[in-house]
């Protein structure tokens, strides 16, 4: 169960770091840049711990799928970016893909 917590925190850390990239303005603003670097360092460290028990392909599929959805929601909620119907359908398909991997794949460490 601990590996899932590591993966969840890694994803959240990566989403926070990615969300701060715009405000870092090409790493010219100090505090947003610190958040970006610290967030990515924590994210990759926790992902490396996750890979001790979850296959890399599965972990990365979950990481990227959930991360994409959370980044899109973050952009919509905090940056005023719009999500049209094709974007919502695509995001739904990504969520469905992650769900299929978690529910039906025998490669996932349960």
PDB file of N, CA and C in Angstrom:
ATOM      1  N   UNK A   1       0.815  -1.205   0.000  1.00  0.00           N
ATOM      2  CA  UNK A   1       0.000   0.000   0.000  1.00  0.00           C
ATOM      3  C   UNK A   1       0.860   1.272   0.000  1.00  0.00           C
ATOM      4  N   UNK A   2       2.023   1.187   0.621  1.00  0.00           N
ATOM      5  CA  UNK A   2       2.897   2.345   0.720  1.00  0.00           C
ATOM      6  C   UNK A   2       3.343   2.839  -0.656  1.00  0.00           C
ATOM      7  N   UNK A   3       3.535   1.924  -1.609  1.00  0.00           N
ATOM      8  CA  UNK A   3       3.965   2.338  -2.944  1.00  0.00           C
ATOM      9  C   UNK A   3       2.915   3.191  -3.640  1.00  0.00           C
ATOM     10  N   UNK A   4       1.642   2.938  -3.349  1.00  0.00           N
ATOM     11  CA  UNK A   4       0.578   3.753  -3.934  1.00  0.00           C
ATOM     12  C   UNK A   4       0.583   5.153  -3.335  1.00  0.00           C
ATOM     13  N   UNK A   5       0.893   5.247  -2.048  1.00  0.00           N
ATOM     14  CA  UNK A   5       0.991   6.563  -1.410  1.00  0.00           C
ATOM     15  C   UNK A   5       2.163   7.335  -2.011  1.00  0.00           C
ATOM     16  N   UNK A   6       3.298   6.651  -2.190  1.00  0.00           N
ATOM     17  CA  UNK A   6       4.447   7.301  -2.829  1.00  0.00           C
ATOM     18  C   UNK A   6       4.079   7.806  -4.221  1.00  0.00           C
ATOM     19  N   UNK A   7       3.378   6.982  -4.985  1.00  0.00           N
ATOM     20  CA  UNK A   7       2.997   7.380  -6.344  1.00  0.00           C
ATOM     21  C   UNK A   7       2.040   8.561  -6.314  1.00  0.00           C
ATOM     22  N   UNK A   8       1.067   8.538  -5.414  1.00  0.00           N
ATOM     23  CA  UNK A   8       0.102   9.638  -5.317  1.00  0.00           C
ATOM     24  C   UNK A   8       0.787  10.952  -4.947  1.00  0.00           C
ATOM     25  N   UNK A   9       1.675  10.902  -3.970  1.00  0.00           N
ATOM     26  CA  UNK A   9       2.387  12.114  -3.562  1.00  0.00           C
ATOM     27  C   UNK A   9       3.335  12.574  -4.671  1.00  0.00           C
ATOM     28  N   UNK A  10       3.946  11.637  -5.387  1.00  0.00           N
ATOM     29  CA  UNK A  10       4.805  11.989  -6.517  1.00  0.00           C
ATOM     30  C   UNK A  10       4.007  12.717  -7.588  1.00  0.00           C
ATOM     31  N   UNK A  11       2.830  12.221  -7.885  1.00  0.00           N
ATOM     32  CA  UNK A  11       1.981  12.862  -8.896  1.00  0.00           C
ATOM     33  C   UNK A  11       1.574  14.256  -8.450  1.00  0.00           C
ATOM     34  N   UNK A  12       1.149  14.386  -7.205  1.00  0.00           N
ATOM     35  CA  UNK A  12       0.724  15.697  -6.692  1.00  0.00           C
ATOM     36  C   UNK A  12       1.896  16.675  -6.706  1.00  0.00           C
ATOM     37  N   UNK A  13       3.064  16.196  -6.314  1.00  0.00           N
ATOM     38  CA  UNK A  13       4.260  17.042  -6.317  1.00  0.00           C
ATOM     39  C   UNK A  13       4.607  17.498  -7.731  1.00  0.00           C
ATOM     40  N   UNK A  14       4.501  16.586  -8.691  1.00  0.00           N
ATOM     41  CA  UNK A  14       4.784  16.933 -10.090  1.00  0.00           C
ATOM     42  C   UNK A  14       3.762  17.932 -10.621  1.00  0.00           C
ATOM     43  N   UNK A  15       2.512  17.766 -10.244  1.00  0.00           N
ATOM     44  CA  UNK A  15       1.460  18.682 -10.692  1.00  0.00           C
ATOM     45  C   UNK A  15       1.684  20.076 -10.110  1.00  0.00           C
ATOM     46  N   UNK A  16       2.059  20.146  -8.851  1.00  0.00           N
ATOM     47  CA  UNK A  16       2.350  21.449  -8.244  1.00  0.00           C
ATOM     48  C   UNK A  16       3.535  22.102  -8.949  1.00  0.00           C
ATOM     49  N   UNK A  17       4.599  21.328  -9.174  1.00  0.00           N
ATOM     50  CA  UNK A  17       5.778  21.869  -9.852  1.00  0.00           C
ATOM     51  C   UNK A  17       5.427  22.371 -11.245  1.00  0.00           C
ATOM     52  N   UNK A  18       4.686  21.586 -11.989  1.00  0.00           N
ATOM     53  CA  UNK A  18       4.306  21.974 -13.345  1.00  0.00           C
ATOM     54  C   UNK A  18       3.402  23.205 -13.331  1.00  0.00           C
ATOM     55  N   UNK A  19       2.527  23.287 -12.342  1.00  0.00           N
ATOM     56  CA  UNK A  19       1.629  24.436 -12.233  1.00  0.00           C
ATOM     57  C   UNK A  19       2.389  25.732 -11.976  1.00  0.00           C
ATOM     58  N   UNK A  20       3.548  25.639 -11.354  1.00  0.00           N
ATOM     59  CA  UNK A  20       4.347  26.821 -11.058  1.00  0.00           C
ATOM     60  C   UNK A  20       5.309  27.208 -12.178  1.00  0.00           C
ATOM     61  N   UNK A  21       5.411  26.380 -13.218  1.00  0.00           N
ATOM     62  CA  UNK A  21       6.335  26.693 -14.310  1.00  0.00           C
ATOM     63  C   UNK A  21       6.032  28.044 -14.961  1.00  0.00           C
ATOM     64  N   UNK A  22       4.764  28.323 -15.179  1.00  0.00           N
ATOM     65  CA  UNK A  22       4.403  29.584 -15.836  1.00  0.00           C
ATOM     66  C   UNK A  22       4.807  30.779 -14.979  1.00  0.00           C
ATOM     67  N   UNK A  23       4.522  30.701 -13.681  1.00  0.00           N
ATOM     68  CA  UNK A  23       4.853  31.835 -12.813  1.00  0.00           C
ATOM     69  C   UNK A  23       6.355  31.950 -12.551  1.00  0.00           C
ATOM     70  N   UNK A  24       7.122  30.892 -12.819  1.00  0.00           N
ATOM     71  CA  UNK A  24       8.584  30.969 -12.678  1.00  0.00           C
ATOM     72  C   UNK A  24       9.196  31.811 -13.789  1.00  0.00           C
ATOM     73  N   UNK A  25       8.448  32.025 -14.849  1.00  0.00           N
ATOM     74  CA  UNK A  25       8.867  32.868 -15.977  1.00  0.00           C
ATOM     75  C   UNK A  25      10.284  32.551 -16.442  1.00  0.00           C
ATOM     76  N   UNK A  26      10.460  31.295 -16.871  1.00  0.00           N
ATOM     77  CA  UNK A  26      11.763  30.870 -17.380  1.00  0.00           C
ATOM     78  C   UNK A  26      12.833  30.834 -16.303  1.00  0.00           C
ATOM     79  N   UNK A  27      12.434  30.539 -15.090  1.00  0.00           N
ATOM     80  CA  UNK A  27      13.331  30.485 -13.925  1.00  0.00           C
ATOM     81  C   UNK A  27      13.961  31.839 -13.618  1.00  0.00           C
ATOM     82  N   UNK A  28      13.251  32.915 -13.922  1.00  0.00           N
ATOM     83  CA  UNK A  28      13.739  34.253 -13.590  1.00  0.00           C
ATOM     84  C   UNK A  28      13.142  34.761 -12.279  1.00  0.00           C
ATOM     85  N   UNK A  29      12.122  34.105 -11.763  1.00  0.00           N
ATOM     86  CA  UNK A  29      11.518  34.472 -10.476  1.00  0.00           C
ATOM     87  C   UNK A  29      11.908  33.407  -9.462  1.00  0.00           C
ATOM     88  N   UNK A  30      12.482  33.849  -8.338  1.00  0.00           N
ATOM     89  CA  UNK A  30      13.116  32.939  -7.385  1.00  0.00           C
ATOM     90  C   UNK A  30      12.148  31.944  -6.751  1.00  0.00           C
ATOM     91  N   UNK A  31      11.128  32.407  -6.025  1.00  0.00           N
ATOM     92  CA  UNK A  31      10.284  31.481  -5.257  1.00  0.00           C
ATOM     93  C   UNK A  31       9.483  30.520  -6.136  1.00  0.00           C
ATOM     94  N   UNK A  32       8.875  30.981  -7.214  1.00  0.00           N
ATOM     95  CA  UNK A  32       8.229  29.996  -8.080  1.00  0.00           C
ATOM     96  C   UNK A  32       9.218  28.978  -8.639  1.00  0.00           C
ATOM     97  N   UNK A  33      10.436  29.417  -8.930  1.00  0.00           N
ATOM     98  CA  UNK A  33      11.468  28.498  -9.426  1.00  0.00           C
ATOM     99  C   UNK A  33      11.850  27.475  -8.363  1.00  0.00           C
ATOM    100  N   UNK A  34      11.914  27.900  -7.107  1.00  0.00           N
ATOM    101  CA  UNK A  34      12.209  26.979  -6.002  1.00  0.00           C
ATOM    102  C   UNK A  34      11.118  25.921  -5.901  1.00  0.00           C
ATOM    103  N   UNK A  35       9.867  26.341  -6.029  1.00  0.00           N
ATOM    104  CA  UNK A  35       8.752  25.386  -5.975  1.00  0.00           C
ATOM    105  C   UNK A  35       8.860  24.378  -7.115  1.00  0.00           C
ATOM    106  N   UNK A  36       9.187  24.845  -8.302  1.00  0.00           N
ATOM    107  CA  UNK A  36       9.327  23.955  -9.464  1.00  0.00           C
ATOM    108  C   UNK A  36      10.426  22.926  -9.218  1.00  0.00           C
ATOM    109  N   UNK A  37      11.604  23.373  -8.846  1.00  0.00           N
ATOM    110  CA  UNK A  37      12.739  22.458  -8.662  1.00  0.00           C
ATOM    111  C   UNK A  37      12.474  21.489  -7.510  1.00  0.00           C
ATOM    112  N   UNK A  38      12.013  22.007  -6.373  1.00  0.00           N
ATOM    113  CA  UNK A  38      11.734  21.145  -5.223  1.00  0.00           C
ATOM    114  C   UNK A  38      10.635  20.141  -5.545  1.00  0.00           C
ATOM    115  N   UNK A  39       9.606  20.596  -6.241  1.00  0.00           N
ATOM    116  CA  UNK A  39       8.504  19.710  -6.608  1.00  0.00           C
ATOM    117  C   UNK A  39       8.944  18.570  -7.503  1.00  0.00           C
ATOM    118  N   UNK A  40       9.752  18.888  -8.510  1.00  0.00           N
ATOM    119  CA  UNK A  40      10.238  17.835  -9.405  1.00  0.00           C
ATOM    120  C   UNK A  40      11.208  16.891  -8.703  1.00  0.00           C
ATOM    121  N   UNK A  41      12.071  17.421  -7.846  1.00  0.00           N
ATOM    122  CA  UNK A  41      12.993  16.553  -7.097  1.00  0.00           C
ATOM    123  C   UNK A  41      12.220  15.563  -6.228  1.00  0.00           C
ATOM    124  N   UNK A  42      11.242  16.067  -5.489  1.00  0.00           N
ATOM    125  CA  UNK A  42      10.431  15.189  -4.645  1.00  0.00           C
ATOM    126  C   UNK A  42       9.660  14.183  -5.492  1.00  0.00           C
ATOM    127  N   UNK A  43       9.085  14.652  -6.590  1.00  0.00           N
ATOM    128  CA  UNK A  43       8.290  13.781  -7.453  1.00  0.00           C
ATOM    129  C   UNK A  43       9.121  12.620  -7.995  1.00  0.00           C
ATOM    130  N   UNK A  44      10.303  12.916  -8.504  1.00  0.00           N
ATOM    131  CA  UNK A  44      11.123  11.853  -9.088  1.00  0.00           C
ATOM    132  C   UNK A  44      11.714  10.930  -8.023  1.00  0.00           C
ATOM    133  N   UNK A  45      12.016  11.472  -6.855  1.00  0.00           N
ATOM    134  CA  UNK A  45      12.489  10.613  -5.768  1.00  0.00           C
ATOM    135  C   UNK A  45      11.395   9.618  -5.364  1.00  0.00           C
ATOM    136  N   UNK A  46      10.178  10.123  -5.178  1.00  0.00           N
ATOM    137  CA  UNK A  46       9.080   9.236  -4.780  1.00  0.00           C
ATOM    138  C   UNK A  46       8.715   8.261  -5.894  1.00  0.00           C
ATOM    139  N   UNK A  47       8.804   8.702  -7.140  1.00  0.00           N
ATOM    140  CA  UNK A  47       8.564   7.779  -8.250  1.00  0.00           C
ATOM    141  C   UNK A  47       9.600   6.661  -8.230  1.00  0.00           C
ATOM    142  N   UNK A  48      10.843   6.986  -7.925  1.00  0.00           N
ATOM    143  CA  UNK A  48      11.876   5.947  -7.873  1.00  0.00           C
ATOM    144  C   UNK A  48      11.586   4.928  -6.778  1.00  0.00           C
ATOM    145  N   UNK A  49      11.020   5.370  -5.662  1.00  0.00           N
ATOM    146  CA  UNK A  49      10.636   4.432  -4.606  1.00  0.00           C
ATOM    147  C   UNK A  49       9.462   3.561  -5.042  1.00  0.00           C
ATOM    148  N   UNK A  50       8.559   4.158  -5.791  1.00  0.00           N
ATOM    149  CA  UNK A  50       7.397   3.430  -6.304  1.00  0.00           C
ATOM    150  C   UNK A  50       7.829   2.290  -7.223  1.00  0.00           C
ATOM    151  N   UNK A  51       8.875   2.526  -7.994  1.00  0.00           N
ATOM    152  CA  UNK A  51       9.316   1.549  -8.989  1.00  0.00           C
ATOM    153  C   UNK A  51       9.938   0.299  -8.376  1.00  0.00           C
ATOM    154  N   UNK A  52      10.109   0.288  -7.065  1.00  0.00           N
ATOM    155  CA  UNK A  52      10.582  -0.923  -6.399  1.00  0.00           C
ATOM    156  C   UNK A  52       9.510  -2.015  -6.403  1.00  0.00           C
ATOM    157  N   UNK A  53       8.244  -1.618  -6.495  1.00  0.00           N
ATOM    158  CA  UNK A  53       7.155  -2.602  -6.441  1.00  0.00           C
ATOM    159  C   UNK A  53       6.186  -2.546  -7.620  1.00  0.00           C
ATOM    160  N   UNK A  54       6.135  -1.435  -8.335  1.00  0.00           N
ATOM    161  CA  UNK A  54       5.219  -1.308  -9.474  1.00  0.00           C
ATOM    162  C   UNK A  54       6.067  -1.268 -10.744  1.00  0.00           C
ATOM    163  N   UNK A  55       5.714  -2.031 -11.766  1.00  0.00           N
ATOM    164  CA  UNK A  55       6.473  -1.994 -13.027  1.00  0.00           C
ATOM    165  C   UNK A  55       6.512  -0.578 -13.606  1.00  0.00           C
ATOM    166  N   UNK A  56       7.635  -0.225 -14.200  1.00  0.00           N
ATOM    167  CA  UNK A  56       7.847   1.137 -14.676  1.00  0.00           C
ATOM    168  C   UNK A  56       6.780   1.565 -15.690  1.00  0.00           C
ATOM    169  N   UNK A  57       6.383   0.688 -16.590  1.00  0.00           N
ATOM    170  CA  UNK A  57       5.373   1.048 -17.593  1.00  0.00           C
ATOM    171  C   UNK A  57       4.034   1.379 -16.967  1.00  0.00           C
ATOM    172  N   UNK A  58       3.647   0.602 -15.994  1.00  0.00           N
ATOM    173  CA  UNK A  58       2.371   0.834 -15.312  1.00  0.00           C
ATOM    174  C   UNK A  58       2.442   2.099 -14.468  1.00  0.00           C
ATOM    175  N   UNK A  59       3.516   2.246 -13.695  1.00  0.00           N
ATOM    176  CA  UNK A  59       3.662   3.438 -12.848  1.00  0.00           C
ATOM    177  C   UNK A  59       3.671   4.703 -13.704  1.00  0.00           C
ATOM    178  N   UNK A  60       4.387   4.661 -14.822  1.00  0.00           N
ATOM    179  CA  UNK A  60       4.474   5.841 -15.669  1.00  0.00           C
ATOM    180  C   UNK A  60       3.139   6.133 -16.359  1.00  0.00           C
ATOM    181  N   UNK A  61       2.411   5.094 -16.727  1.00  0.00           N
ATOM    182  CA  UNK A  61       1.087   5.300 -17.332  1.00  0.00           C
ATOM    183  C   UNK A  61       0.152   5.989 -16.337  1.00  0.00           C
ATOM    184  N   UNK A  62       0.190   5.537 -15.096  1.00  0.00           N
ATOM    185  CA  UNK A  62      -0.652   6.147 -14.069  1.00  0.00           C
ATOM    186  C   UNK A  62      -0.177   7.571 -13.786  1.00  0.00           C
ATOM    187  N   UNK A  63       1.127   7.731 -13.623  1.00  0.00           N
ATOM    188  CA  UNK A  63       1.733   9.046 -13.362  1.00  0.00           C
ATOM    189  C   UNK A  63       1.327  10.046 -14.439  1.00  0.00           C
ATOM    190  N   UNK A  64       1.531   9.680 -15.687  1.00  0.00           N
ATOM    191  CA  UNK A  64       1.269  10.626 -16.767  1.00  0.00           C
ATOM    192  C   UNK A  64      -0.226  10.856 -16.967  1.00  0.00           C
ATOM    193  N   UNK A  65      -1.023   9.804 -16.889  1.00  0.00           N
ATOM    194  CA  UNK A  65      -2.463   9.960 -17.090  1.00  0.00           C
ATOM    195  C   UNK A  65      -3.107  10.833 -16.031  1.00  0.00           C
ATOM    196  N   UNK A  66      -2.846  10.514 -14.782  1.00  0.00           N
ATOM    197  CA  UNK A  66      -3.421  11.306 -13.688  1.00  0.00           C
ATOM    198  C   UNK A  66      -2.834  12.716 -13.707  1.00  0.00           C
ATOM    199  N   UNK A  67      -1.536  12.821 -13.982  1.00  0.00           N
ATOM    200  CA  UNK A  67      -0.904  14.134 -14.046  1.00  0.00           C
ATOM    201  C   UNK A  67      -1.505  15.025 -15.115  1.00  0.00           C
ATOM    202  N   UNK A  68      -1.763  14.465 -16.292  1.00  0.00           N
ATOM    203  CA  UNK A  68      -2.373  15.246 -17.378  1.00  0.00           C
ATOM    204  C   UNK A  68      -3.727  15.790 -16.964  1.00  0.00           C
ATOM    205  N   UNK A  69      -4.534  14.932 -16.370  1.00  0.00           N
ATOM    206  CA  UNK A  69      -5.869  15.357 -15.949  1.00  0.00           C
ATOM    207  C   UNK A  69      -5.773  16.442 -14.870  1.00  0.00           C
ATOM    208  N   UNK A  70      -4.911  16.245 -13.883  1.00  0.00           N
ATOM    209  CA  UNK A  70      -4.786  17.233 -12.808  1.00  0.00           C
ATOM    210  C   UNK A  70      -4.207  18.549 -13.307  1.00  0.00           C
ATOM    211  N   UNK A  71      -3.268  18.500 -14.239  1.00  0.00           N
ATOM    212  CA  UNK A  71      -2.714  19.741 -14.807  1.00  0.00           C
ATOM    213  C   UNK A  71      -3.793  20.482 -15.598  1.00  0.00           C
ATOM    214  N   UNK A  72      -4.585  19.750 -16.362  1.00  0.00           N
ATOM    215  CA  UNK A  72      -5.678  20.387 -17.115  1.00  0.00           C
ATOM    216  C   UNK A  72      -6.674  21.041 -16.161  1.00  0.00           C
ATOM    217  N   UNK A  73      -6.997  20.353 -15.070  1.00  0.00           N
ATOM    218  CA  UNK A  73      -7.918  20.927 -14.083  1.00  0.00           C
ATOM    219  C   UNK A  73      -7.298  22.131 -13.379  1.00  0.00           C
ATOM    220  N   UNK A  74      -6.015  22.058 -13.087  1.00  0.00           N
ATOM    221  CA  UNK A  74      -5.315  23.176 -12.461  1.00  0.00           C
ATOM    222  C   UNK A  74      -5.325  24.403 -13.378  1.00  0.00           C
ATOM    223  N   UNK A  75      -5.048  24.189 -14.655  1.00  0.00           N
ATOM    224  CA  UNK A  75      -5.095  25.287 -15.615  1.00  0.00           C
ATOM    225  C   UNK A  75      -6.477  25.900 -15.712  1.00  0.00           C
ATOM    226  N   UNK A  76      -7.489  25.053 -15.663  1.00  0.00           N
ATOM    227  CA  UNK A  76      -8.870  25.524 -15.740  1.00  0.00           C
ATOM    228  C   UNK A  76      -9.256  26.288 -14.475  1.00  0.00           C
ATOM    229  N   UNK A  77      -8.919  25.737 -13.306  1.00  0.00           N
ATOM    230  CA  UNK A  77      -9.324  26.351 -12.038  1.00  0.00           C
ATOM    231  C   UNK A  77      -8.529  27.608 -11.690  1.00  0.00           C
ATOM    232  N   UNK A  78      -7.216  27.573 -11.910  1.00  0.00           N
ATOM    233  CA  UNK A  78      -6.361  28.637 -11.397  1.00  0.00           C
ATOM    234  C   UNK A  78      -5.801  29.581 -12.456  1.00  0.00           C
ATOM    235  N   UNK A  79      -5.766  29.148 -13.696  1.00  0.00           N
ATOM    236  CA  UNK A  79      -5.164  29.983 -14.736  1.00  0.00           C
ATOM    237  C   UNK A  79      -6.182  30.465 -15.772  1.00  0.00           C
ATOM    238  N   UNK A  80      -7.446  30.137 -15.561  1.00  0.00           N
ATOM    239  CA  UNK A  80      -8.491  30.606 -16.463  1.00  0.00           C
ATOM    240  C   UNK A  80      -8.467  29.985 -17.844  1.00  0.00           C
ATOM    241  N   UNK A  81      -7.828  28.835 -17.983  1.00  0.00           N
ATOM    242  CA  UNK A  81      -7.780  28.160 -19.276  1.00  0.00           C
ATOM    243  C   UNK A  81      -9.078  27.388 -19.489  1.00  0.00           C
ATOM    244  N   UNK A  82      -9.520  27.343 -20.722  1.00  0.00           N
ATOM    245  CA  UNK A  82     -10.791  26.681 -21.008  1.00  0.00           C
ATOM    246  C   UNK A  82     -10.572  25.229 -21.430  1.00  0.00           C
ATOM    247  N   UNK A  83     -11.569  24.427 -21.176  1.00  0.00           N
ATOM    248  CA  UNK A  83     -11.589  23.032 -21.612  1.00  0.00           C
ATOM    249  C   UNK A  83     -12.841  22.833 -22.456  1.00  0.00           C
ATOM    250  N   UNK A  84     -12.653  22.628 -23.764  1.00  0.00           N
ATOM    251  CA  UNK A  84     -13.806  22.410 -24.634  1.00  0.00           C
ATOM    252  C   UNK A  84     -14.192  20.927 -24.617  1.00  0.00           C
ATOM    253  N   UNK A  85     -15.235  20.596 -25.343  1.00  0.00           N
ATOM    254  CA  UNK A  85     -15.761  19.228 -25.324  1.00  0.00           C
ATOM    255  C   UNK A  85     -14.726  18.197 -25.787  1.00  0.00           C
ATOM    256  N   UNK A  86     -13.982  18.430 -26.870  1.00  0.00           N
ATOM    257  CA  UNK A  86     -12.961  17.444 -27.239  1.00  0.00           C
ATOM    258  C   UNK A  86     -11.917  17.240 -26.134  1.00  0.00           C
ATOM    259  N   UNK A  87     -11.535  18.317 -25.450  1.00  0.00           N
ATOM    260  CA  UNK A  87     -10.574  18.187 -24.347  1.00  0.00           C
ATOM    261  C   UNK A  87     -11.169  17.346 -23.225  1.00  0.00           C
ATOM    262  N   UNK A  88     -12.423  17.584 -22.888  1.00  0.00           N
ATOM    263  CA  UNK A  88     -13.072  16.816 -21.824  1.00  0.00           C
ATOM    264  C   UNK A  88     -13.214  15.344 -22.199  1.00  0.00           C
ATOM    265  N   UNK A  89     -13.535  15.084 -23.455  1.00  0.00           N
ATOM    266  CA  UNK A  89     -13.630  13.688 -23.916  1.00  0.00           C
ATOM    267  C   UNK A  89     -12.264  13.026 -23.845  1.00  0.00           C
ATOM    268  N   UNK A  90     -11.230  13.707 -24.307  1.00  0.00           N
ATOM    269  CA  UNK A  90      -9.881  13.157 -24.252  1.00  0.00           C
ATOM    270  C   UNK A  90      -9.436  12.880 -22.827  1.00  0.00           C
ATOM    271  N   UNK A  91      -9.704  13.813 -21.931  1.00  0.00           N
ATOM    272  CA  UNK A  91      -9.352  13.605 -20.519  1.00  0.00           C
ATOM    273  C   UNK A  91     -10.115  12.423 -19.931  1.00  0.00           C
ATOM    274  N   UNK A  92     -11.365  12.274 -20.312  1.00  0.00           N
ATOM    275  CA  UNK A  92     -12.163  11.135 -19.848  1.00  0.00           C
ATOM    276  C   UNK A  92     -11.573   9.813 -20.338  1.00  0.00           C
ATOM    277  N   UNK A  93     -11.098   9.796 -21.568  1.00  0.00           N
ATOM    278  CA  UNK A  93     -10.470   8.589 -22.103  1.00  0.00           C
ATOM    279  C   UNK A  93      -9.174   8.258 -21.364  1.00  0.00           C
ATOM    280  N   UNK A  94      -8.427   9.287 -20.980  1.00  0.00           N
ATOM    281  CA  UNK A  94      -7.211   9.061 -20.206  1.00  0.00           C
ATOM    282  C   UNK A  94      -7.558   8.450 -18.851  1.00  0.00           C
ATOM    283  N   UNK A  95      -8.545   9.000 -18.182  1.00  0.00           N
ATOM    284  CA  UNK A  95      -8.990   8.449 -16.890  1.00  0.00           C
ATOM    285  C   UNK A  95      -9.455   7.011 -17.066  1.00  0.00           C
ATOM    286  N   UNK A  96     -10.191   6.745 -18.131  1.00  0.00           N
ATOM    287  CA  UNK A  96     -10.649   5.379 -18.389  1.00  0.00           C
ATOM    288  C   UNK A  96      -9.469   4.441 -18.600  1.00  0.00           C
ATOM    289  N   UNK A  97      -8.449   4.904 -19.303  1.00  0.00           N
ATOM    290  CA  UNK A  97      -7.266   4.075 -19.530  1.00  0.00           C
ATOM    291  C   UNK A  97      -6.542   3.747 -18.243  1.00  0.00           C
ATOM    292  N   UNK A  98      -6.394   4.722 -17.377  1.00  0.00           N
ATOM    293  CA  UNK A  98      -5.753   4.480 -16.080  1.00  0.00           C
ATOM    294  C   UNK A  98      -6.587   3.504 -15.257  1.00  0.00           C
ATOM    295  N   UNK A  99      -7.908   3.652 -15.298  1.00  0.00           N
ATOM    296  CA  UNK A  99      -8.784   2.738 -14.567  1.00  0.00           C
ATOM    297  C   UNK A  99      -8.658   1.310 -15.094  1.00  0.00           C
ATOM    298  N   UNK A 100      -8.618   1.146 -16.402  1.00  0.00           N
ATOM    299  CA  UNK A 100      -8.462  -0.184 -16.996  1.00  0.00           C
ATOM    300  C   UNK A 100      -7.155  -0.824 -16.543  1.00  0.00           C
ATOM    301  N   UNK A 101      -6.079  -0.058 -16.558  1.00  0.00           N
ATOM    302  CA  UNK A 101      -4.792  -0.593 -16.114  1.00  0.00           C
ATOM    303  C   UNK A 101      -4.883  -1.056 -14.666  1.00  0.00           C
ATOM    304  N   UNK A 102      -5.469  -0.232 -13.812  1.00  0.00           N
ATOM    305  CA  UNK A 102      -5.523  -0.559 -12.388  1.00  0.00           C
ATOM    306  C   UNK A 102      -6.463  -1.705 -12.069  1.00  0.00           C
ATOM    307  N   UNK A 103      -7.548  -1.821 -12.791  1.00  0.00           N
ATOM    308  CA  UNK A 103      -8.539  -2.846 -12.472  1.00  0.00           C
ATOM    309  C   UNK A 103      -8.225  -4.176 -13.147  1.00  0.00           C
ATOM    310  N   UNK A 104      -7.784  -4.131 -14.382  1.00  0.00           N
ATOM    311  CA  UNK A 104      -7.679  -5.368 -15.156  1.00  0.00           C
ATOM    312  C   UNK A 104      -6.268  -5.882 -15.418  1.00  0.00           C
ATOM    313  N   UNK A 105      -5.266  -5.043 -15.278  1.00  0.00           N
ATOM    314  CA  UNK A 105      -3.906  -5.482 -15.599  1.00  0.00           C
ATOM    315  C   UNK A 105      -3.332  -6.361 -14.495  1.00  0.00           C
ATOM    316  N   UNK A 106      -2.722  -7.448 -14.902  1.00  0.00           N
ATOM    317  CA  UNK A 106      -2.076  -8.334 -13.932  1.00  0.00           C
ATOM    318  C   UNK A 106      -0.668  -7.864 -13.593  1.00  0.00           C
ATOM    319  N   UNK A 107      -0.184  -6.833 -14.291  1.00  0.00           N
ATOM    320  CA  UNK A 107       1.159  -6.324 -14.013  1.00  0.00           C
ATOM    321  C   UNK A 107       1.178  -5.322 -12.870  1.00  0.00           C
ATOM    322  N   UNK A 108       0.010  -4.875 -12.435  1.00  0.00           N
ATOM    323  CA  UNK A 108      -0.061  -3.912 -11.347  1.00  0.00           C
ATOM    324  C   UNK A 108       0.094  -4.639 -10.016  1.00  0.00           C
ATOM    325  N   UNK A 109       0.976  -4.108  -9.177  1.00  0.00           N
ATOM    326  CA  UNK A 109       1.174  -4.706  -7.840  1.00  0.00           C
ATOM    327  C   UNK A 109       0.021  -4.270  -6.937  1.00  0.00           C
ATOM    328  N   UNK A 110      -0.827  -5.199  -6.552  1.00  0.00           N
ATOM    329  CA  UNK A 110      -1.970  -4.873  -5.677  1.00  0.00           C
ATOM    330  C   UNK A 110      -1.661  -5.223  -4.261  1.00  0.00           C
TER     331      UNK A 110
END
